[in-house]
PDB file of N, CA and C in Angstrom:
ATOM      1  N   UNK A   1       0.820  -1.197   0.035  1.00  0.00           N
ATOM      2  CA  UNK A   1      -0.023   0.022   0.004  1.00  0.00           C
ATOM      3  C   UNK A   1       0.869   1.246   0.003  1.00  0.00           C
ATOM      4  N   UNK A   2       0.329   2.228  -0.575  1.00  0.00           N
ATOM      5  CA  UNK A   2       1.097   3.467  -0.579  1.00  0.00           C
ATOM      6  C   UNK A   2       0.879   4.263   0.741  1.00  0.00           C
ATOM      7  N   UNK A   3       1.698   5.246   0.855  1.00  0.00           N
ATOM      8  CA  UNK A   3       1.709   6.002   2.123  1.00  0.00           C
ATOM      9  C   UNK A   3       0.378   6.778   2.281  1.00  0.00           C
ATOM     10  N   UNK A   4      -0.233   7.266   1.247  1.00  0.00           N
ATOM     11  CA  UNK A   4      -1.520   8.026   1.318  1.00  0.00           C
ATOM     12  C   UNK A   4      -2.642   7.146   1.842  1.00  0.00           C
ATOM     13  N   UNK A   5      -2.797   5.970   1.338  1.00  0.00           N
ATOM     14  CA  UNK A   5      -3.788   5.043   1.791  1.00  0.00           C
ATOM     15  C   UNK A   5      -3.570   4.685   3.227  1.00  0.00           C
ATOM     16  N   UNK A   6      -2.328   4.431   3.668  1.00  0.00           N
ATOM     17  CA  UNK A   6      -2.051   4.109   5.118  1.00  0.00           C
ATOM     18  C   UNK A   6      -2.419   5.262   5.984  1.00  0.00           C
ATOM     19  N   UNK A   7      -2.074   6.492   5.507  1.00  0.00           N
ATOM     20  CA  UNK A   7      -2.455   7.689   6.352  1.00  0.00           C
ATOM     21  C   UNK A   7      -3.931   7.821   6.441  1.00  0.00           C
ATOM     22  N   UNK A   8      -4.694   7.539   5.396  1.00  0.00           N
ATOM     23  CA  UNK A   8      -6.087   7.652   5.423  1.00  0.00           C
ATOM     24  C   UNK A   8      -6.734   6.645   6.392  1.00  0.00           C
ATOM     25  N   UNK A   9      -6.179   5.436   6.348  1.00  0.00           N
ATOM     26  CA  UNK A   9      -6.679   4.361   7.257  1.00  0.00           C
ATOM     27  C   UNK A   9      -6.359   4.727   8.696  1.00  0.00           C
ATOM     28  N   UNK A  10      -5.227   5.272   8.916  1.00  0.00           N
ATOM     29  CA  UNK A  10      -4.819   5.624  10.278  1.00  0.00           C
ATOM     30  C   UNK A  10      -5.647   6.760  10.753  1.00  0.00           C
ATOM     31  N   UNK A  11      -6.016   7.758   9.949  1.00  0.00           N
ATOM     32  CA  UNK A  11      -6.907   8.863  10.276  1.00  0.00           C
ATOM     33  C   UNK A  11      -8.259   8.348  10.654  1.00  0.00           C
ATOM     34  N   UNK A  12      -8.781   7.417   9.798  1.00  0.00           N
ATOM     35  CA  UNK A  12     -10.088   6.807  10.078  1.00  0.00           C
ATOM     36  C   UNK A  12     -10.155   6.056  11.396  1.00  0.00           C
ATOM     37  N   UNK A  13      -9.041   5.353  11.648  1.00  0.00           N
ATOM     38  CA  UNK A  13      -8.999   4.567  12.913  1.00  0.00           C
ATOM     39  C   UNK A  13      -8.906   5.469  14.091  1.00  0.00           C
ATOM     40  N   UNK A  14      -8.187   6.594  13.941  1.00  0.00           N
ATOM     41  CA  UNK A  14      -8.057   7.623  15.049  1.00  0.00           C
ATOM     42  C   UNK A  14      -9.408   8.255  15.273  1.00  0.00           C
ATOM     43  N   UNK A  15     -10.210   8.562  14.220  1.00  0.00           N
ATOM     44  CA  UNK A  15     -11.536   9.106  14.441  1.00  0.00           C
ATOM     45  C   UNK A  15     -12.434   8.075  15.166  1.00  0.00           C
ATOM     46  N   UNK A  16     -12.369   6.810  14.737  1.00  0.00           N
ATOM     47  CA  UNK A  16     -13.216   5.770  15.309  1.00  0.00           C
ATOM     48  C   UNK A  16     -12.867   5.638  16.836  1.00  0.00           C
ATOM     49  N   UNK A  17     -11.625   5.612  17.107  1.00  0.00           N
ATOM     50  CA  UNK A  17     -11.202   5.518  18.546  1.00  0.00           C
ATOM     51  C   UNK A  17     -11.684   6.693  19.358  1.00  0.00           C
ATOM     52  N   UNK A  18     -11.564   7.917  18.787  1.00  0.00           N
ATOM     53  CA  UNK A  18     -12.051   9.082  19.434  1.00  0.00           C
ATOM     54  C   UNK A  18     -13.493   9.034  19.725  1.00  0.00           C
ATOM     55  N   UNK A  19     -14.300   8.604  18.744  1.00  0.00           N
ATOM     56  CA  UNK A  19     -15.797   8.494  18.912  1.00  0.00           C
ATOM     57  C   UNK A  19     -16.088   7.418  19.933  1.00  0.00           C
ATOM     58  N   UNK A  20     -15.410   6.369  19.927  1.00  0.00           N
ATOM     59  CA  UNK A  20     -15.655   5.323  20.856  1.00  0.00           C
ATOM     60  C   UNK A  20     -15.302   5.729  22.294  1.00  0.00           C
ATOM     61  N   UNK A  21     -14.281   6.496  22.387  1.00  0.00           N
ATOM     62  CA  UNK A  21     -13.851   6.996  23.722  1.00  0.00           C
ATOM     63  C   UNK A  21     -14.903   7.970  24.240  1.00  0.00           C
ATOM     64  N   UNK A  22     -15.465   8.848  23.330  1.00  0.00           N
ATOM     65  CA  UNK A  22     -16.439   9.827  23.780  1.00  0.00           C
ATOM     66  C   UNK A  22     -17.728   9.007  24.215  1.00  0.00           C
ATOM     67  N   UNK A  23     -18.100   7.960  23.500  1.00  0.00           N
ATOM     68  CA  UNK A  23     -19.275   7.215  23.851  1.00  0.00           C
ATOM     69  C   UNK A  23     -19.103   6.509  25.141  1.00  0.00           C
ATOM     70  N   UNK A  24     -17.936   5.998  25.397  1.00  0.00           N
ATOM     71  CA  UNK A  24     -17.592   5.355  26.679  1.00  0.00           C
ATOM     72  C   UNK A  24     -17.625   6.318  27.774  1.00  0.00           C
ATOM     73  N   UNK A  25     -17.103   7.561  27.593  1.00  0.00           N
ATOM     74  CA  UNK A  25     -17.225   8.568  28.640  1.00  0.00           C
ATOM     75  C   UNK A  25     -18.642   8.905  28.929  1.00  0.00           C
ATOM     76  N   UNK A  26     -19.483   9.043  27.926  1.00  0.00           N
ATOM     77  CA  UNK A  26     -20.949   9.334  28.135  1.00  0.00           C
ATOM     78  C   UNK A  26     -21.653   8.217  28.895  1.00  0.00           C
ATOM     79  N   UNK A  27     -21.308   7.011  28.551  1.00  0.00           N
ATOM     80  CA  UNK A  27     -21.891   5.854  29.254  1.00  0.00           C
ATOM     81  C   UNK A  27     -21.478   5.836  30.719  1.00  0.00           C
ATOM     82  N   UNK A  28     -20.256   6.146  30.943  1.00  0.00           N
ATOM     83  CA  UNK A  28     -19.673   6.137  32.307  1.00  0.00           C
ATOM     84  C   UNK A  28     -20.429   7.229  33.115  1.00  0.00           C
ATOM     85  N   UNK A  29     -20.614   8.422  32.550  1.00  0.00           N
ATOM     86  CA  UNK A  29     -21.341   9.452  33.236  1.00  0.00           C
ATOM     87  C   UNK A  29     -22.765   9.108  33.558  1.00  0.00           C
ATOM     88  N   UNK A  30     -23.433   8.407  32.538  1.00  0.00           N
ATOM     89  CA  UNK A  30     -24.776   7.933  32.774  1.00  0.00           C
ATOM     90  C   UNK A  30     -24.861   6.930  33.923  1.00  0.00           C
ATOM     91  N   UNK A  31     -23.859   6.057  33.999  1.00  0.00           N
ATOM     92  CA  UNK A  31     -23.833   5.104  35.115  1.00  0.00           C
ATOM     93  C   UNK A  31     -23.643   5.809  36.440  1.00  0.00           C
ATOM     94  N   UNK A  32     -22.781   6.800  36.449  1.00  0.00           N
ATOM     95  CA  UNK A  32     -22.506   7.524  37.726  1.00  0.00           C
ATOM     96  C   UNK A  32     -23.812   8.224  38.145  1.00  0.00           C
ATOM     97  N   UNK A  33     -24.543   8.807  37.174  1.00  0.00           N
ATOM     98  CA  UNK A  33     -25.817   9.504  37.544  1.00  0.00           C
ATOM     99  C   UNK A  33     -26.777   8.463  38.109  1.00  0.00           C
ATOM    100  N   UNK A  34     -26.903   7.344  37.524  1.00  0.00           N
ATOM    101  CA  UNK A  34     -27.781   6.298  38.030  1.00  0.00           C
ATOM    102  C   UNK A  34     -27.387   5.781  39.383  1.00  0.00           C
ATOM    103  N   UNK A  35     -26.033   5.637  39.572  1.00  0.00           N
ATOM    104  CA  UNK A  35     -25.592   5.215  40.968  1.00  0.00           C
ATOM    105  C   UNK A  35     -25.902   6.286  41.986  1.00  0.00           C
ATOM    106  N   UNK A  36     -25.749   7.500  41.650  1.00  0.00           N
ATOM    107  CA  UNK A  36     -26.078   8.564  42.614  1.00  0.00           C
ATOM    108  C   UNK A  36     -27.583   8.577  42.854  1.00  0.00           C
ATOM    109  N   UNK A  37     -28.397   8.309  41.900  1.00  0.00           N
ATOM    110  CA  UNK A  37     -29.885   8.209  42.135  1.00  0.00           C
ATOM    111  C   UNK A  37     -30.178   7.118  43.078  1.00  0.00           C
ATOM    112  N   UNK A  38     -29.545   5.905  42.809  1.00  0.00           N
ATOM    113  CA  UNK A  38     -29.810   4.801  43.715  1.00  0.00           C
ATOM    114  C   UNK A  38     -29.369   5.093  45.146  1.00  0.00           C
ATOM    115  N   UNK A  39     -28.229   5.731  45.312  1.00  0.00           N
ATOM    116  CA  UNK A  39     -27.800   6.036  46.665  1.00  0.00           C
ATOM    117  C   UNK A  39     -28.779   6.933  47.341  1.00  0.00           C
ATOM    118  N   UNK A  40     -29.254   7.943  46.728  1.00  0.00           N
ATOM    119  CA  UNK A  40     -30.264   8.826  47.216  1.00  0.00           C
ATOM    120  C   UNK A  40     -31.536   8.142  47.650  1.00  0.00           C
ATOM    121  N   UNK A  41     -32.004   7.295  46.655  1.00  0.00           N
ATOM    122  CA  UNK A  41     -33.232   6.477  46.972  1.00  0.00           C
ATOM    123  C   UNK A  41     -33.012   5.514  48.187  1.00  0.00           C
ATOM    124  N   UNK A  42     -31.902   4.939  48.235  1.00  0.00           N
ATOM    125  CA  UNK A  42     -31.618   3.996  49.354  1.00  0.00           C
ATOM    126  C   UNK A  42     -31.526   4.760  50.685  1.00  0.00           C
ATOM    127  N   UNK A  43     -30.915   5.953  50.674  1.00  0.00           N
ATOM    128  CA  UNK A  43     -30.863   6.767  51.904  1.00  0.00           C
ATOM    129  C   UNK A  43     -32.250   7.154  52.275  1.00  0.00           C
ATOM    130  N   UNK A  44     -33.117   7.560  51.356  1.00  0.00           N
ATOM    131  CA  UNK A  44     -34.514   7.902  51.642  1.00  0.00           C
ATOM    132  C   UNK A  44     -35.253   6.752  52.233  1.00  0.00           C
ATOM    133  N   UNK A  45     -35.120   5.592  51.603  1.00  0.00           N
ATOM    134  CA  UNK A  45     -35.788   4.395  52.147  1.00  0.00           C
ATOM    135  C   UNK A  45     -35.339   4.031  53.594  1.00  0.00           C
ATOM    136  N   UNK A  46     -34.085   4.137  53.810  1.00  0.00           N
ATOM    137  CA  UNK A  46     -33.551   3.763  55.189  1.00  0.00           C
ATOM    138  C   UNK A  46     -34.083   4.807  56.156  1.00  0.00           C
ATOM    139  N   UNK A  47     -34.167   6.067  55.781  1.00  0.00           N
ATOM    140  CA  UNK A  47     -34.713   7.091  56.686  1.00  0.00           C
ATOM    141  C   UNK A  47     -36.148   6.773  56.983  1.00  0.00           C
ATOM    142  N   UNK A  48     -36.919   6.571  55.938  1.00  0.00           N
ATOM    143  CA  UNK A  48     -38.340   6.219  56.139  1.00  0.00           C
ATOM    144  C   UNK A  48     -38.573   4.975  57.021  1.00  0.00           C
ATOM    145  N   UNK A  49     -37.798   3.914  56.722  1.00  0.00           N
ATOM    146  CA  UNK A  49     -37.968   2.702  57.514  1.00  0.00           C
ATOM    147  C   UNK A  49     -37.597   2.978  59.023  1.00  0.00           C
ATOM    148  N   UNK A  50     -36.550   3.741  59.178  1.00  0.00           N
ATOM    149  CA  UNK A  50     -36.132   4.001  60.594  1.00  0.00           C
ATOM    150  C   UNK A  50     -37.234   4.834  61.296  1.00  0.00           C
ATOM    151  N   UNK A  51     -37.925   5.690  60.573  1.00  0.00           N
ATOM    152  CA  UNK A  51     -38.941   6.509  61.219  1.00  0.00           C
ATOM    153  C   UNK A  51     -40.226   5.658  61.483  1.00  0.00           C
ATOM    154  N   UNK A  52     -40.530   4.739  60.604  1.00  0.00           N
ATOM    155  CA  UNK A  52     -41.754   3.985  60.741  1.00  0.00           C
ATOM    156  C   UNK A  52     -41.574   2.804  61.654  1.00  0.00           C
ATOM    157  N   UNK A  53     -40.369   2.195  61.583  1.00  0.00           N
ATOM    158  CA  UNK A  53     -40.059   1.033  62.344  1.00  0.00           C
ATOM    159  C   UNK A  53     -38.778   1.313  63.226  1.00  0.00           C
ATOM    160  N   UNK A  54     -38.973   1.754  64.435  1.00  0.00           N
ATOM    161  CA  UNK A  54     -37.836   2.197  65.281  1.00  0.00           C
ATOM    162  C   UNK A  54     -36.756   1.046  65.466  1.00  0.00           C
ATOM    163  N   UNK A  55     -37.096  -0.171  65.308  1.00  0.00           N
ATOM    164  CA  UNK A  55     -36.106  -1.274  65.527  1.00  0.00           C
ATOM    165  C   UNK A  55     -35.376  -1.564  64.131  1.00  0.00           C
ATOM    166  N   UNK A  56     -35.715  -0.846  63.125  1.00  0.00           N
ATOM    167  CA  UNK A  56     -35.076  -1.061  61.758  1.00  0.00           C
ATOM    168  C   UNK A  56     -33.583  -0.926  61.839  1.00  0.00           C
ATOM    169  N   UNK A  57     -33.025   0.117  62.525  1.00  0.00           N
ATOM    170  CA  UNK A  57     -31.648   0.407  62.560  1.00  0.00           C
ATOM    171  C   UNK A  57     -30.911  -0.765  63.223  1.00  0.00           C
ATOM    172  N   UNK A  58     -31.542  -1.432  64.210  1.00  0.00           N
ATOM    173  CA  UNK A  58     -30.976  -2.544  64.945  1.00  0.00           C
ATOM    174  C   UNK A  58     -31.049  -3.835  64.089  1.00  0.00           C
ATOM    175  N   UNK A  59     -32.075  -3.976  63.315  1.00  0.00           N
ATOM    176  CA  UNK A  59     -32.258  -5.195  62.539  1.00  0.00           C
ATOM    177  C   UNK A  59     -31.645  -5.173  61.121  1.00  0.00           C
ATOM    178  N   UNK A  60     -31.340  -3.993  60.654  1.00  0.00           N
ATOM    179  CA  UNK A  60     -30.896  -3.888  59.319  1.00  0.00           C
ATOM    180  C   UNK A  60     -29.540  -4.631  58.979  1.00  0.00           C
ATOM    181  N   UNK A  61     -28.564  -4.626  59.960  1.00  0.00           N
ATOM    182  CA  UNK A  61     -27.292  -5.344  59.614  1.00  0.00           C
ATOM    183  C   UNK A  61     -27.530  -6.837  59.439  1.00  0.00           C
ATOM    184  N   UNK A  62     -28.440  -7.401  60.194  1.00  0.00           N
ATOM    185  CA  UNK A  62     -28.722  -8.785  60.066  1.00  0.00           C
ATOM    186  C   UNK A  62     -29.483  -9.116  58.733  1.00  0.00           C
ATOM    187  N   UNK A  63     -30.454  -8.227  58.520  1.00  0.00           N
ATOM    188  CA  UNK A  63     -31.228  -8.424  57.178  1.00  0.00           C
ATOM    189  C   UNK A  63     -30.307  -8.221  56.001  1.00  0.00           C
ATOM    190  N   UNK A  64     -29.411  -7.242  56.011  1.00  0.00           N
ATOM    191  CA  UNK A  64     -28.407  -7.044  54.997  1.00  0.00           C
ATOM    192  C   UNK A  64     -27.496  -8.255  54.770  1.00  0.00           C
ATOM    193  N   UNK A  65     -26.979  -8.790  55.891  1.00  0.00           N
ATOM    194  CA  UNK A  65     -26.121  -9.978  55.788  1.00  0.00           C
ATOM    195  C   UNK A  65     -26.853 -11.109  55.144  1.00  0.00           C
ATOM    196  N   UNK A  66     -28.080 -11.369  55.546  1.00  0.00           N
ATOM    197  CA  UNK A  66     -28.892 -12.447  54.968  1.00  0.00           C
ATOM    198  C   UNK A  66     -29.209 -12.248  53.485  1.00  0.00           C
ATOM    199  N   UNK A  67     -29.479 -11.037  53.203  1.00  0.00           N
ATOM    200  CA  UNK A  67     -29.787 -10.715  51.775  1.00  0.00           C
ATOM    201  C   UNK A  67     -28.526 -10.888  50.887  1.00  0.00           C
ATOM    202  N   UNK A  68     -27.385 -10.498  51.394  1.00  0.00           N
ATOM    203  CA  UNK A  68     -26.101 -10.745  50.641  1.00  0.00           C
ATOM    204  C   UNK A  68     -25.942 -12.140  50.315  1.00  0.00           C
ATOM    205  N   UNK A  69     -26.235 -12.996  51.336  1.00  0.00           N
ATOM    206  CA  UNK A  69     -26.118 -14.449  51.089  1.00  0.00           C
ATOM    207  C   UNK A  69     -27.084 -15.031  50.107  1.00  0.00           C
ATOM    208  N   UNK A  70     -28.273 -14.490  50.075  1.00  0.00           N
ATOM    209  CA  UNK A  70     -29.410 -15.053  49.337  1.00  0.00           C
ATOM    210  C   UNK A  70     -29.554 -14.526  47.948  1.00  0.00           C
ATOM    211  N   UNK A  71     -29.153 -13.282  47.717  1.00  0.00           N
ATOM    212  CA  UNK A  71     -29.397 -12.615  46.454  1.00  0.00           C
ATOM    213  C   UNK A  71     -28.137 -12.582  45.513  1.00  0.00           C
ATOM    214  N   UNK A  72     -28.298 -12.963  44.382  1.00  0.00           N
ATOM    215  CA  UNK A  72     -27.223 -12.841  43.355  1.00  0.00           C
ATOM    216  C   UNK A  72     -27.444 -11.559  42.555  1.00  0.00           C
ATOM    217  N   UNK A  73     -26.624 -10.567  42.778  1.00  0.00           N
ATOM    218  CA  UNK A  73     -26.920  -9.287  42.074  1.00  0.00           C
ATOM    219  C   UNK A  73     -26.705  -9.341  40.508  1.00  0.00           C
ATOM    220  N   UNK A  74     -26.055 -10.437  40.089  1.00  0.00           N
ATOM    221  CA  UNK A  74     -25.843 -10.607  38.658  1.00  0.00           C
ATOM    222  C   UNK A  74     -26.997 -11.161  37.906  1.00  0.00           C
ATOM    223  N   UNK A  75     -27.910 -11.811  38.687  1.00  0.00           N
ATOM    224  CA  UNK A  75     -29.101 -12.360  37.959  1.00  0.00           C
ATOM    225  C   UNK A  75     -30.208 -11.305  37.896  1.00  0.00           C
ATOM    226  N   UNK A  76     -31.038 -11.554  36.903  1.00  0.00           N
ATOM    227  CA  UNK A  76     -32.186 -10.609  36.725  1.00  0.00           C
ATOM    228  C   UNK A  76     -33.429 -11.178  37.269  1.00  0.00           C
TER     229      UNK A  76
END
């Protein structure tokens, strides 16, 4: 191949990589936004449960430990 064709291919690959990187950055930001939303919702639920059920704070560590053993977060 001649040098011009190689340069064009290299330029095209660089553009593809740049676009892929930008898309990955956007997806990472979207995931961070979702994680923040889940953290806020979890904090709100814990606050509510503590207010409605005074023994919640005492029981939560046990419930959490059991749930960790029983639930596979990878399954749907």
